[in-house]
Amino acid sequence: MTSKFKILTPVLVLIAAPAFAQEMDAAIDVNGDGMYSFPELQAVDGELTEDAFTVMDVNGDGLLDGDEVAAATDAGLMPMSDG
């Protein structure tokens, strides 16, 4: 791996990550608060149950933040479509 590639990789990740997050917000976070509510998620996945949402809502605040969404996706609890 070249030195340039080692330096550019973190920069590219920092540039791409917010773009992906914004795309997710547009598709799911209807009210733009940066959190995912049960109704917002159920609108894109009609099979989502309140029980499943509660399992994903680790802090119990009734909303999923980015960390909870990532953890749920990684655990296979909330598969995300690519478009």
Protein backbone atom coordinates (compact mmCIF):
# COMPACT_ATOMS: atom_id res chain seq x y z
CA MET A 1 0.00 0.00 0.00
CA THR A 2 1.39 3.37 -0.96
CA SER A 3 1.72 6.29 1.43
CA LYS A 4 -0.74 8.34 -0.63
CA PHE A 5 -3.35 5.62 -0.41
CA LYS A 6 -2.88 5.32 3.37
CA ILE A 7 -3.42 9.05 3.72
CA LEU A 8 -6.36 9.33 1.32
CA THR A 9 -8.38 6.37 2.58
CA PRO A 10 -9.53 8.01 5.84
CA VAL A 11 -10.32 11.21 3.96
CA LEU A 12 -12.47 9.35 1.44
CA VAL A 13 -14.30 7.54 4.23
CA LEU A 14 -15.05 10.85 5.96
CA ILE A 15 -16.39 12.28 2.72
CA ALA A 16 -18.50 9.25 1.78
CA ALA A 17 -20.01 8.50 5.21
CA PRO A 18 -22.05 11.71 5.53
CA ALA A 19 -23.36 11.32 1.99
CA PHE A 20 -24.61 7.84 2.83
CA ALA A 21 -26.16 9.07 6.08
CA GLN A 22 -27.95 11.87 4.24
CA GLU A 23 -29.33 9.37 1.73
CA MET A 24 -30.66 7.27 4.61
CA ASP A 25 -32.24 10.35 6.19
CA ALA A 26 -34.04 11.22 2.99
CA ALA A 27 -35.45 7.73 2.67
CA ILE A 28 -36.32 7.02 6.31
CA ASP A 29 -36.02 10.06 8.58
CA VAL A 30 -39.09 11.87 7.28
CA ASN A 31 -39.11 14.63 9.92
CA GLY A 32 -35.36 15.20 9.65
CA ASP A 33 -34.62 14.94 13.37
CA GLY A 34 -31.69 12.55 12.86
CA MET A 35 -33.52 9.72 14.61
CA TYR A 36 -35.63 6.86 13.32
CA SER A 37 -39.08 6.41 14.86
CA PHE A 38 -41.20 3.29 14.71
CA PRO A 39 -43.66 4.88 12.22
CA GLU A 40 -40.80 6.04 9.96
CA LEU A 41 -39.26 2.56 9.88
CA GLN A 42 -42.60 0.82 9.52
CA ALA A 43 -43.33 3.00 6.48
CA VAL A 44 -40.35 1.43 4.70
CA ASP A 45 -40.74 -2.04 6.25
CA GLY A 46 -44.40 -2.87 6.80
CA GLU A 47 -43.47 -6.12 8.52
CA LEU A 48 -41.58 -4.36 11.34
CA THR A 49 -43.27 -5.01 14.70
CA GLU A 50 -43.19 -2.84 17.80
CA ASP A 51 -41.50 -5.71 19.63
CA ALA A 52 -38.69 -5.81 17.05
CA PHE A 53 -38.33 -2.03 17.25
CA THR A 54 -38.11 -2.22 21.05
CA VAL A 55 -35.27 -4.73 20.80
CA MET A 56 -33.36 -2.35 18.52
CA ASP A 57 -34.08 0.68 20.75
CA VAL A 58 -31.26 -0.05 23.19
CA ASN A 59 -31.66 3.11 25.28
CA GLY A 60 -35.47 2.84 25.37
CA ASP A 61 -36.16 6.41 24.26
CA GLY A 62 -38.58 5.37 21.52
CA LEU A 63 -36.21 6.44 18.75
CA LEU A 64 -33.24 4.82 17.01
CA ASP A 65 -30.10 6.89 16.72
CA GLY A 66 -27.30 6.18 14.25
CA ASP A 67 -25.49 3.82 16.62
CA GLU A 68 -28.65 1.80 17.29
CA VAL A 69 -29.41 1.61 13.56
CA ALA A 70 -25.86 0.44 12.82
CA ALA A 71 -25.96 -2.15 15.61
CA ALA A 72 -29.37 -3.44 14.50
CA THR A 73 -28.23 -3.65 10.88
CA ASP A 74 -24.99 -5.43 11.85
CA ALA A 75 -27.01 -7.89 13.96
CA GLY A 76 -29.33 -8.61 11.04
CA LEU A 77 -32.33 -7.16 12.89
CA MET A 78 -32.87 -4.40 10.36
CA PRO A 79 -31.67 -5.28 6.88
CA MET A 80 -31.40 -2.15 4.80
CA SER A 81 -32.13 -2.11 1.10
CA ASP A 82 -29.74 -0.48 -1.29
CA GLY A 83 -32.18 1.84 -2.78
